[in-house]
């Protein structure tokens, strides 16, 4: 795997990876939690068969969600054609009120308005390419770029 996570971490000054454990929940990519020598954990999604631009396209989308400050989103540390490496938000048990907090955050995210529908670049929904050419008509954008593209 070109530019393996270990070399990216070393280059950025992170300690050595001491443990890797599988994380479940996804269906397109493998996922694992990396534990570093200092106890810090990171989240890795590798997929050597992914489209060459998939992870590079995911990073700006996550950054755009972070800018909205509606829900907590992982910071991306590195993305290339084989993997995306992110901050680990942890595993643990859900705290009381988790679903209420998540629902309120998603509601706040979708309540925010913009002049255009779309993004600055195309990306993926899972392994499916997703066009994001901005459009001022939300109905047209959703129909052409989401519904019709999947049919």
C-alpha atoms as a PDB file:
ATOM      1  CA  UNK A   1       0.000   0.000   0.000  1.00  0.00           C
ATOM      2  CA  UNK A   2       1.568   3.278  -1.102  1.00  0.00           C
ATOM      3  CA  UNK A   3       1.948   5.874   1.600  1.00  0.00           C
ATOM      4  CA  UNK A   4       0.966   3.512   4.407  1.00  0.00           C
ATOM      5  CA  UNK A   5      -0.533   5.012   7.572  1.00  0.00           C
ATOM      6  CA  UNK A   6       2.681   4.286   9.489  1.00  0.00           C
ATOM      7  CA  UNK A   7       4.813   6.415   7.176  1.00  0.00           C
ATOM      8  CA  UNK A   8       2.279   9.271   7.207  1.00  0.00           C
ATOM      9  CA  UNK A   9       2.174   9.246  11.012  1.00  0.00           C
ATOM     10  CA  UNK A  10       5.961   9.089  11.336  1.00  0.00           C
ATOM     11  CA  UNK A  11       6.381  11.965   8.889  1.00  0.00           C
ATOM     12  CA  UNK A  12       3.886  14.050  10.923  1.00  0.00           C
ATOM     13  CA  UNK A  13       5.727  13.323  14.187  1.00  0.00           C
ATOM     14  CA  UNK A  14       3.274  10.850  15.716  1.00  0.00           C
ATOM     15  CA  UNK A  15       4.475   7.960  17.901  1.00  0.00           C
ATOM     16  CA  UNK A  16       4.611   4.375  16.612  1.00  0.00           C
ATOM     17  CA  UNK A  17       1.417   2.325  16.159  1.00  0.00           C
ATOM     18  CA  UNK A  18       1.297  -0.304  18.908  1.00  0.00           C
ATOM     19  CA  UNK A  19      -2.132  -1.821  18.267  1.00  0.00           C
ATOM     20  CA  UNK A  20      -4.775  -2.062  15.563  1.00  0.00           C
ATOM     21  CA  UNK A  21      -8.312  -3.309  16.247  1.00  0.00           C
ATOM     22  CA  UNK A  22     -11.163  -3.749  13.793  1.00  0.00           C
ATOM     23  CA  UNK A  23     -14.137  -1.403  14.114  1.00  0.00           C
ATOM     24  CA  UNK A  24     -17.502  -2.585  12.810  1.00  0.00           C
ATOM     25  CA  UNK A  25     -20.363  -0.682  11.267  1.00  0.00           C
ATOM     26  CA  UNK A  26     -19.326   0.121   7.699  1.00  0.00           C
ATOM     27  CA  UNK A  27     -20.029  -1.792   4.522  1.00  0.00           C
ATOM     28  CA  UNK A  28     -17.812  -0.128   1.881  1.00  0.00           C
ATOM     29  CA  UNK A  29     -14.452   0.094   3.649  1.00  0.00           C
ATOM     30  CA  UNK A  30     -12.677  -1.745   6.406  1.00  0.00           C
ATOM     31  CA  UNK A  31     -12.171   0.340   9.543  1.00  0.00           C
ATOM     32  CA  UNK A  32      -9.844   0.115  12.508  1.00  0.00           C
ATOM     33  CA  UNK A  33      -8.786   1.966  15.612  1.00  0.00           C
ATOM     34  CA  UNK A  34      -5.046   2.505  15.839  1.00  0.00           C
ATOM     35  CA  UNK A  35      -3.452   2.890  19.266  1.00  0.00           C
ATOM     36  CA  UNK A  36      -0.190   4.820  19.338  1.00  0.00           C
ATOM     37  CA  UNK A  37       2.738   4.385  21.756  1.00  0.00           C
ATOM     38  CA  UNK A  38       1.571   7.422  23.770  1.00  0.00           C
ATOM     39  CA  UNK A  39      -1.957   5.960  24.202  1.00  0.00           C
ATOM     40  CA  UNK A  40      -3.602   8.243  21.642  1.00  0.00           C
ATOM     41  CA  UNK A  41      -6.057   6.534  19.270  1.00  0.00           C
ATOM     42  CA  UNK A  42      -6.786   7.301  15.617  1.00  0.00           C
ATOM     43  CA  UNK A  43      -9.447   6.039  13.200  1.00  0.00           C
ATOM     44  CA  UNK A  44      -8.366   4.477   9.891  1.00  0.00           C
ATOM     45  CA  UNK A  45     -10.537   3.566   6.879  1.00  0.00           C
ATOM     46  CA  UNK A  46      -8.439   1.667   4.332  1.00  0.00           C
ATOM     47  CA  UNK A  47      -9.593   0.356   0.969  1.00  0.00           C
ATOM     48  CA  UNK A  48      -6.939  -0.455  -1.650  1.00  0.00           C
ATOM     49  CA  UNK A  49      -9.700  -1.022  -4.254  1.00  0.00           C
ATOM     50  CA  UNK A  50     -11.419   2.348  -3.669  1.00  0.00           C
ATOM     51  CA  UNK A  51     -11.740   4.775  -6.565  1.00  0.00           C
ATOM     52  CA  UNK A  52      -8.528   6.825  -6.654  1.00  0.00           C
ATOM     53  CA  UNK A  53     -10.248  10.051  -5.559  1.00  0.00           C
ATOM     54  CA  UNK A  54     -12.739   8.650  -3.013  1.00  0.00           C
ATOM     55  CA  UNK A  55     -10.907   9.447   0.235  1.00  0.00           C
ATOM     56  CA  UNK A  56      -9.508  12.729  -1.086  1.00  0.00           C
ATOM     57  CA  UNK A  57     -13.114  13.733  -1.915  1.00  0.00           C
ATOM     58  CA  UNK A  58     -14.371  12.683   1.533  1.00  0.00           C
ATOM     59  CA  UNK A  59     -11.990  14.991   3.414  1.00  0.00           C
ATOM     60  CA  UNK A  60     -13.432  18.339   2.157  1.00  0.00           C
ATOM     61  CA  UNK A  61     -16.961  17.063   2.817  1.00  0.00           C
ATOM     62  CA  UNK A  62     -16.070  16.317   6.430  1.00  0.00           C
ATOM     63  CA  UNK A  63     -14.409  19.741   6.725  1.00  0.00           C
ATOM     64  CA  UNK A  64     -17.562  21.420   5.373  1.00  0.00           C
ATOM     65  CA  UNK A  65     -19.696  19.606   7.960  1.00  0.00           C
ATOM     66  CA  UNK A  66     -17.259  20.659  10.691  1.00  0.00           C
ATOM     67  CA  UNK A  67     -17.606  24.322   9.650  1.00  0.00           C
ATOM     68  CA  UNK A  68     -21.361  24.139  10.289  1.00  0.00           C
ATOM     69  CA  UNK A  69     -20.657  23.297  13.960  1.00  0.00           C
ATOM     70  CA  UNK A  70     -23.966  21.412  14.267  1.00  0.00           C
ATOM     71  CA  UNK A  71     -22.559  17.995  15.235  1.00  0.00           C
ATOM     72  CA  UNK A  72     -19.093  16.772  16.211  1.00  0.00           C
ATOM     73  CA  UNK A  73     -17.174  15.569  13.140  1.00  0.00           C
ATOM     74  CA  UNK A  74     -13.781  13.848  13.067  1.00  0.00           C
ATOM     75  CA  UNK A  75     -10.791  15.886  11.924  1.00  0.00           C
ATOM     76  CA  UNK A  76      -9.014  14.380   8.931  1.00  0.00           C
ATOM     77  CA  UNK A  77      -5.280  13.881   9.437  1.00  0.00           C
ATOM     78  CA  UNK A  78      -4.450  12.423   6.026  1.00  0.00           C
ATOM     79  CA  UNK A  79      -6.268  11.170   2.928  1.00  0.00           C
ATOM     80  CA  UNK A  80      -4.878   9.457  -0.154  1.00  0.00           C
ATOM     81  CA  UNK A  81      -6.109   6.953  -2.729  1.00  0.00           C
ATOM     82  CA  UNK A  82      -5.792   3.996  -0.337  1.00  0.00           C
ATOM     83  CA  UNK A  83      -7.077   5.293   3.013  1.00  0.00           C
ATOM     84  CA  UNK A  84      -8.322   8.151   5.149  1.00  0.00           C
ATOM     85  CA  UNK A  85      -6.854   8.658   8.627  1.00  0.00           C
ATOM     86  CA  UNK A  86      -8.874  10.629  11.153  1.00  0.00           C
ATOM     87  CA  UNK A  87      -9.133  11.610  14.746  1.00  0.00           C
ATOM     88  CA  UNK A  88     -10.829   8.885  16.806  1.00  0.00           C
ATOM     89  CA  UNK A  89     -13.997  10.000  18.569  1.00  0.00           C
ATOM     90  CA  UNK A  90     -13.902   6.926  20.771  1.00  0.00           C
ATOM     91  CA  UNK A  91     -15.942   3.804  21.286  1.00  0.00           C
ATOM     92  CA  UNK A  92     -17.614   3.778  24.682  1.00  0.00           C
ATOM     93  CA  UNK A  93     -21.244   3.492  25.656  1.00  0.00           C
ATOM     94  CA  UNK A  94     -23.726   6.108  24.489  1.00  0.00           C
ATOM     95  CA  UNK A  95     -24.447   8.733  27.102  1.00  0.00           C
ATOM     96  CA  UNK A  96     -27.927   9.481  28.303  1.00  0.00           C
ATOM     97  CA  UNK A  97     -29.695  11.687  25.750  1.00  0.00           C
ATOM     98  CA  UNK A  98     -27.465  10.561  22.861  1.00  0.00           C
ATOM     99  CA  UNK A  99     -30.276  10.231  20.300  1.00  0.00           C
ATOM    100  CA  UNK A 100     -31.871  13.519  21.368  1.00  0.00           C
ATOM    101  CA  UNK A 101     -28.514  15.311  21.042  1.00  0.00           C
ATOM    102  CA  UNK A 102     -27.815  13.719  17.654  1.00  0.00           C
ATOM    103  CA  UNK A 103     -31.314  14.539  16.378  1.00  0.00           C
ATOM    104  CA  UNK A 104     -31.017  18.163  17.519  1.00  0.00           C
ATOM    105  CA  UNK A 105     -27.608  18.441  15.851  1.00  0.00           C
ATOM    106  CA  UNK A 106     -28.855  17.005  12.553  1.00  0.00           C
ATOM    107  CA  UNK A 107     -31.885  19.290  12.698  1.00  0.00           C
ATOM    108  CA  UNK A 108     -29.604  22.287  13.234  1.00  0.00           C
ATOM    109  CA  UNK A 109     -27.371  21.167  10.365  1.00  0.00           C
ATOM    110  CA  UNK A 110     -30.323  20.948   7.957  1.00  0.00           C
ATOM    111  CA  UNK A 111     -31.860  24.196   9.189  1.00  0.00           C
ATOM    112  CA  UNK A 112     -28.864  26.189   7.948  1.00  0.00           C
ATOM    113  CA  UNK A 113     -29.458  27.788   4.581  1.00  0.00           C
ATOM    114  CA  UNK A 114     -27.264  28.537   1.592  1.00  0.00           C
ATOM    115  CA  UNK A 115     -27.666  30.218  -1.790  1.00  0.00           C
ATOM    116  CA  UNK A 116     -26.830  27.036  -3.689  1.00  0.00           C
ATOM    117  CA  UNK A 117     -27.355  23.299  -3.306  1.00  0.00           C
ATOM    118  CA  UNK A 118     -24.287  21.125  -3.853  1.00  0.00           C
ATOM    119  CA  UNK A 119     -20.602  21.291  -2.979  1.00  0.00           C
ATOM    120  CA  UNK A 120     -17.391  22.575  -4.457  1.00  0.00           C
ATOM    121  CA  UNK A 121     -16.454  19.096  -5.690  1.00  0.00           C
ATOM    122  CA  UNK A 122     -17.956  15.746  -6.534  1.00  0.00           C
ATOM    123  CA  UNK A 123     -17.678  12.923  -4.006  1.00  0.00           C
ATOM    124  CA  UNK A 124     -19.181   9.547  -3.147  1.00  0.00           C
ATOM    125  CA  UNK A 125     -22.105   8.160  -1.210  1.00  0.00           C
ATOM    126  CA  UNK A 126     -20.527   4.863  -0.216  1.00  0.00           C
ATOM    127  CA  UNK A 127     -18.961   3.607  -3.444  1.00  0.00           C
ATOM    128  CA  UNK A 128     -21.459   5.463  -5.657  1.00  0.00           C
ATOM    129  CA  UNK A 129     -20.149   8.609  -7.396  1.00  0.00           C
ATOM    130  CA  UNK A 130     -22.121  11.683  -6.384  1.00  0.00           C
ATOM    131  CA  UNK A 131     -22.191  14.809  -8.584  1.00  0.00           C
ATOM    132  CA  UNK A 132     -22.318  18.061  -6.626  1.00  0.00           C
ATOM    133  CA  UNK A 133     -22.376  20.782  -9.272  1.00  0.00           C
ATOM    134  CA  UNK A 134     -24.065  23.680  -7.440  1.00  0.00           C
ATOM    135  CA  UNK A 135     -27.625  24.555  -8.431  1.00  0.00           C
ATOM    136  CA  UNK A 136     -29.906  27.310  -7.125  1.00  0.00           C
ATOM    137  CA  UNK A 137     -32.961  25.040  -7.408  1.00  0.00           C
ATOM    138  CA  UNK A 138     -32.959  22.498  -4.592  1.00  0.00           C
ATOM    139  CA  UNK A 139     -35.684  20.361  -6.142  1.00  0.00           C
ATOM    140  CA  UNK A 140     -33.819  20.160  -9.439  1.00  0.00           C
ATOM    141  CA  UNK A 141     -30.532  19.445  -7.658  1.00  0.00           C
ATOM    142  CA  UNK A 142     -32.020  16.604  -5.631  1.00  0.00           C
ATOM    143  CA  UNK A 143     -33.907  15.136  -8.595  1.00  0.00           C
ATOM    144  CA  UNK A 144     -30.979  15.236 -11.031  1.00  0.00           C
ATOM    145  CA  UNK A 145     -27.966  14.736  -8.761  1.00  0.00           C
ATOM    146  CA  UNK A 146     -29.457  12.277  -6.273  1.00  0.00           C
ATOM    147  CA  UNK A 147     -32.661  10.498  -7.376  1.00  0.00           C
ATOM    148  CA  UNK A 148     -32.114  10.172 -11.137  1.00  0.00           C
ATOM    149  CA  UNK A 149     -28.434   9.372 -10.784  1.00  0.00           C
ATOM    150  CA  UNK A 150     -29.286   6.300  -8.711  1.00  0.00           C
ATOM    151  CA  UNK A 151     -31.969   4.970 -11.045  1.00  0.00           C
END
